[in-house]
Amino acid sequence: MAVQTFLAVFFTERFAGYCRRRFDSLVTLRLAGLGEVVSIFDPELIKALFTGDPDRWLAGRANAKVLQAPAGASSVLVLDGEEHMRMRRLLLPAFHGDAVHARPTRLDRSRRKRSTVGRSGFRSRCIPGCRRSPSR
């Protein structure tokens, strides 16, 4: 367990490549703090997992072990069943094509607001303002 955890944390890509070559389509790892973790490399198996019965796979429960603290208890990433679908329906409008296409316009407008005109009359960016999110 300690060796697999060390390799998975510090040599993630190389270890994943090794696992894929050695075990082909999937591998079960035993990682400290997480327990058994199954990594799937075969695209068809990944598709079957994501299109499978959500009441059987319970990804939210598995994700909660790692993601609940940073993402929150009501995150779509840590929920299963009807509660997952309810939260997902709430999030979907933000990722709809029209909403996504409108974002660059909002970002440009925000950047223009945060730029300043210096004494010489030239526009210059206010660096701290550019690092902030447009919603702040």
C-alpha atoms as a PDB file:
ATOM      1  CA  MET A   1       0.000   0.000   0.000  1.00  0.00           C
ATOM      2  CA  ALA A   2       2.753   2.471   0.894  1.00  0.00           C
ATOM      3  CA  VAL A   3       4.638   1.950  -2.365  1.00  0.00           C
ATOM      4  CA  GLN A   4       1.506   2.316  -4.509  1.00  0.00           C
ATOM      5  CA  THR A   5       0.514   5.469  -2.616  1.00  0.00           C
ATOM      6  CA  PHE A   6       3.986   6.963  -3.017  1.00  0.00           C
ATOM      7  CA  LEU A   7       4.079   6.219  -6.746  1.00  0.00           C
ATOM      8  CA  ALA A   8       0.511   7.451  -7.315  1.00  0.00           C
ATOM      9  CA  VAL A   9       1.193  10.753  -5.525  1.00  0.00           C
ATOM     10  CA  PHE A  10       4.709  11.624  -6.646  1.00  0.00           C
ATOM     11  CA  PHE A  11       4.954   9.907 -10.049  1.00  0.00           C
ATOM     12  CA  THR A  12       1.314  10.018 -11.144  1.00  0.00           C
ATOM     13  CA  GLU A  13       1.741   9.989 -14.934  1.00  0.00           C
ATOM     14  CA  ARG A  14       4.629   7.520 -15.027  1.00  0.00           C
ATOM     15  CA  PHE A  15       2.872   5.189 -12.585  1.00  0.00           C
ATOM     16  CA  ALA A  16      -0.401   5.368 -14.550  1.00  0.00           C
ATOM     17  CA  GLY A  17       1.513   4.590 -17.754  1.00  0.00           C
ATOM     18  CA  TYR A  18       3.180   1.607 -16.093  1.00  0.00           C
ATOM     19  CA  CYS A  19      -0.174   0.333 -14.799  1.00  0.00           C
ATOM     20  CA  ARG A  20      -1.758   0.689 -18.225  1.00  0.00           C
ATOM     21  CA  ARG A  21       1.054  -1.253 -19.920  1.00  0.00           C
ATOM     22  CA  ARG A  22       1.209  -3.919 -17.197  1.00  0.00           C
ATOM     23  CA  PHE A  23      -2.500  -4.453 -16.491  1.00  0.00           C
ATOM     24  CA  ASP A  24      -4.110  -3.312 -19.782  1.00  0.00           C
ATOM     25  CA  SER A  25      -7.668  -2.070 -19.199  1.00  0.00           C
ATOM     26  CA  LEU A  26      -8.030  -1.651 -15.428  1.00  0.00           C
ATOM     27  CA  VAL A  27      -6.121  -1.942 -12.183  1.00  0.00           C
ATOM     28  CA  THR A  28      -7.048  -1.942  -8.496  1.00  0.00           C
ATOM     29  CA  LEU A  29      -4.728   0.089  -6.297  1.00  0.00           C
ATOM     30  CA  ARG A  30      -4.625   0.215  -2.526  1.00  0.00           C
ATOM     31  CA  LEU A  31      -3.895   3.791  -1.539  1.00  0.00           C
ATOM     32  CA  ALA A  32      -3.357   5.105   1.981  1.00  0.00           C
ATOM     33  CA  GLY A  33      -6.265   7.255   3.079  1.00  0.00           C
ATOM     34  CA  LEU A  34      -8.460   6.114   0.173  1.00  0.00           C
ATOM     35  CA  GLY A  35      -8.539   2.331   0.387  1.00  0.00           C
ATOM     36  CA  GLU A  36      -9.126   0.435  -2.848  1.00  0.00           C
ATOM     37  CA  VAL A  37      -9.177   2.600  -5.978  1.00  0.00           C
ATOM     38  CA  VAL A  38      -9.938   1.181  -9.416  1.00  0.00           C
ATOM     39  CA  SER A  39      -8.342   2.952 -12.389  1.00  0.00           C
ATOM     40  CA  ILE A  40      -9.889   2.249 -15.790  1.00  0.00           C
ATOM     41  CA  PHE A  41      -7.878   2.800 -18.983  1.00  0.00           C
ATOM     42  CA  ASP A  42     -10.093   1.224 -21.661  1.00  0.00           C
ATOM     43  CA  PRO A  43     -12.350   3.833 -23.358  1.00  0.00           C
ATOM     44  CA  GLU A  44     -15.178   1.295 -23.790  1.00  0.00           C
ATOM     45  CA  LEU A  45     -15.127   0.410 -20.093  1.00  0.00           C
ATOM     46  CA  ILE A  46     -15.087   4.108 -19.178  1.00  0.00           C
ATOM     47  CA  LYS A  47     -18.110   4.669 -21.431  1.00  0.00           C
ATOM     48  CA  ALA A  48     -19.912   1.713 -19.834  1.00  0.00           C
ATOM     49  CA  LEU A  49     -19.203   3.162 -16.397  1.00  0.00           C
ATOM     50  CA  PHE A  50     -20.503   6.643 -17.228  1.00  0.00           C
ATOM     51  CA  THR A  51     -23.586   5.362 -19.042  1.00  0.00           C
ATOM     52  CA  GLY A  52     -24.314   2.588 -16.536  1.00  0.00           C
ATOM     53  CA  ASP A  53     -26.957   2.398 -13.834  1.00  0.00           C
ATOM     54  CA  PRO A  54     -26.272   5.275 -11.395  1.00  0.00           C
ATOM     55  CA  ASP A  55     -27.906   3.320  -8.555  1.00  0.00           C
ATOM     56  CA  ARG A  56     -25.293   0.600  -9.039  1.00  0.00           C
ATOM     57  CA  TRP A  57     -22.099   2.622  -9.386  1.00  0.00           C
ATOM     58  CA  LEU A  58     -22.590   5.283  -6.652  1.00  0.00           C
ATOM     59  CA  ALA A  59     -19.719   7.496  -7.766  1.00  0.00           C
ATOM     60  CA  GLY A  60     -20.731  10.258  -5.374  1.00  0.00           C
ATOM     61  CA  ARG A  61     -20.137   8.073  -2.345  1.00  0.00           C
ATOM     62  CA  ALA A  62     -16.734   7.046  -3.702  1.00  0.00           C
ATOM     63  CA  ASN A  63     -15.807  10.666  -4.534  1.00  0.00           C
ATOM     64  CA  ALA A  64     -16.955  11.970  -1.147  1.00  0.00           C
ATOM     65  CA  LYS A  65     -13.967  10.440   0.596  1.00  0.00           C
ATOM     66  CA  VAL A  66     -11.637  12.787  -1.279  1.00  0.00           C
ATOM     67  CA  LEU A  67     -13.801  15.621  -2.610  1.00  0.00           C
ATOM     68  CA  GLN A  68     -16.358  16.381   0.103  1.00  0.00           C
ATOM     69  CA  ALA A  69     -14.040  18.578   2.167  1.00  0.00           C
ATOM     70  CA  PRO A  70     -12.924  20.862  -0.698  1.00  0.00           C
ATOM     71  CA  ALA A  71     -16.106  20.689  -2.818  1.00  0.00           C
ATOM     72  CA  GLY A  72     -18.760  20.638  -0.082  1.00  0.00           C
ATOM     73  CA  ALA A  73     -21.400  18.149   1.001  1.00  0.00           C
ATOM     74  CA  SER A  74     -23.915  19.340  -1.611  1.00  0.00           C
ATOM     75  CA  SER A  75     -21.496  19.265  -4.562  1.00  0.00           C
ATOM     76  CA  VAL A  76     -22.731  17.344  -7.594  1.00  0.00           C
ATOM     77  CA  LEU A  77     -19.418  15.460  -7.408  1.00  0.00           C
ATOM     78  CA  VAL A  78     -20.277  13.814  -4.084  1.00  0.00           C
ATOM     79  CA  LEU A  79     -23.984  13.147  -4.513  1.00  0.00           C
ATOM     80  CA  ASP A  80     -25.781  10.112  -5.918  1.00  0.00           C
ATOM     81  CA  GLY A  81     -29.262   9.328  -7.171  1.00  0.00           C
ATOM     82  CA  GLU A  82     -32.025  11.908  -7.334  1.00  0.00           C
ATOM     83  CA  GLU A  83     -30.095  14.492  -5.290  1.00  0.00           C
ATOM     84  CA  HIS A  84     -27.235  14.317  -7.823  1.00  0.00           C
ATOM     85  CA  MET A  85     -29.673  14.807 -10.719  1.00  0.00           C
ATOM     86  CA  ARG A  86     -31.372  17.744  -8.963  1.00  0.00           C
ATOM     87  CA  MET A  87     -28.057  19.549  -8.460  1.00  0.00           C
ATOM     88  CA  ARG A  88     -26.963  18.690 -11.992  1.00  0.00           C
ATOM     89  CA  ARG A  89     -30.142  20.224 -13.450  1.00  0.00           C
ATOM     90  CA  LEU A  90     -29.428  23.397 -11.469  1.00  0.00           C
ATOM     91  CA  LEU A  91     -25.886  23.600 -12.909  1.00  0.00           C
ATOM     92  CA  LEU A  92     -26.646  22.792 -16.542  1.00  0.00           C
ATOM     93  CA  PRO A  93     -27.879  26.250 -17.649  1.00  0.00           C
ATOM     94  CA  ALA A  94     -24.458  27.747 -16.882  1.00  0.00           C
ATOM     95  CA  PHE A  95     -22.888  25.341 -19.398  1.00  0.00           C
ATOM     96  CA  HIS A  96     -25.508  25.781 -22.140  1.00  0.00           C
ATOM     97  CA  GLY A  97     -24.123  27.055 -25.459  1.00  0.00           C
ATOM     98  CA  ASP A  98     -25.646  30.552 -25.197  1.00  0.00           C
ATOM     99  CA  ALA A  99     -24.293  31.073 -21.679  1.00  0.00           C
ATOM    100  CA  VAL A 100     -20.829  29.869 -22.677  1.00  0.00           C
ATOM    101  CA  HIS A 101     -20.726  32.128 -25.757  1.00  0.00           C
ATOM    102  CA  ALA A 102     -21.705  35.145 -23.638  1.00  0.00           C
ATOM    103  CA  ARG A 103     -18.797  34.704 -21.216  1.00  0.00           C
ATOM    104  CA  PRO A 104     -15.996  36.239 -23.339  1.00  0.00           C
ATOM    105  CA  THR A 105     -18.083  39.401 -23.700  1.00  0.00           C
ATOM    106  CA  ARG A 106     -18.528  39.659 -19.934  1.00  0.00           C
ATOM    107  CA  LEU A 107     -14.842  39.002 -19.328  1.00  0.00           C
ATOM    108  CA  ASP A 108     -13.777  41.607 -21.878  1.00  0.00           C
ATOM    109  CA  ARG A 109     -16.120  44.162 -20.338  1.00  0.00           C
ATOM    110  CA  SER A 110     -14.739  43.418 -16.881  1.00  0.00           C
ATOM    111  CA  ARG A 111     -11.136  43.720 -18.099  1.00  0.00           C
ATOM    112  CA  ARG A 112     -11.858  47.080 -19.725  1.00  0.00           C
ATOM    113  CA  LYS A 113     -13.395  48.358 -16.483  1.00  0.00           C
ATOM    114  CA  ARG A 114     -10.325  47.319 -14.525  1.00  0.00           C
ATOM    115  CA  SER A 115      -7.775  48.878 -16.849  1.00  0.00           C
ATOM    116  CA  THR A 116      -6.624  52.382 -16.016  1.00  0.00           C
ATOM    117  CA  VAL A 117      -5.539  55.416 -17.996  1.00  0.00           C
ATOM    118  CA  GLY A 118      -2.169  56.652 -16.812  1.00  0.00           C
ATOM    119  CA  ARG A 119      -0.837  60.237 -16.752  1.00  0.00           C
ATOM    120  CA  SER A 120       0.613  59.812 -20.219  1.00  0.00           C
ATOM    121  CA  GLY A 121      -2.841  58.999 -21.595  1.00  0.00           C
ATOM    122  CA  PHE A 122      -2.015  55.391 -22.438  1.00  0.00           C
ATOM    123  CA  ARG A 123      -4.148  52.569 -21.122  1.00  0.00           C
ATOM    124  CA  SER A 124      -2.382  50.107 -18.854  1.00  0.00           C
ATOM    125  CA  ARG A 125      -3.701  47.102 -17.050  1.00  0.00           C
ATOM    126  CA  CYS A 126      -4.081  47.120 -13.321  1.00  0.00           C
ATOM    127  CA  ILE A 127      -2.385  43.802 -12.560  1.00  0.00           C
ATOM    128  CA  PRO A 128      -4.072  43.076  -9.198  1.00  0.00           C
ATOM    129  CA  GLY A 129      -7.450  43.771 -10.791  1.00  0.00           C
ATOM    130  CA  CYS A 130      -6.747  41.379 -13.644  1.00  0.00           C
ATOM    131  CA  ARG A 131      -5.990  38.568 -11.233  1.00  0.00           C
ATOM    132  CA  ARG A 132      -9.359  38.889  -9.520  1.00  0.00           C
ATOM    133  CA  SER A 133     -12.412  37.055 -10.755  1.00  0.00           C
ATOM    134  CA  PRO A 134     -14.835  39.248 -12.760  1.00  0.00           C
ATOM    135  CA  SER A 135     -17.581  38.334 -10.287  1.00  0.00           C
ATOM    136  CA  ARG A 136     -15.805  40.061  -7.378  1.00  0.00           C
END
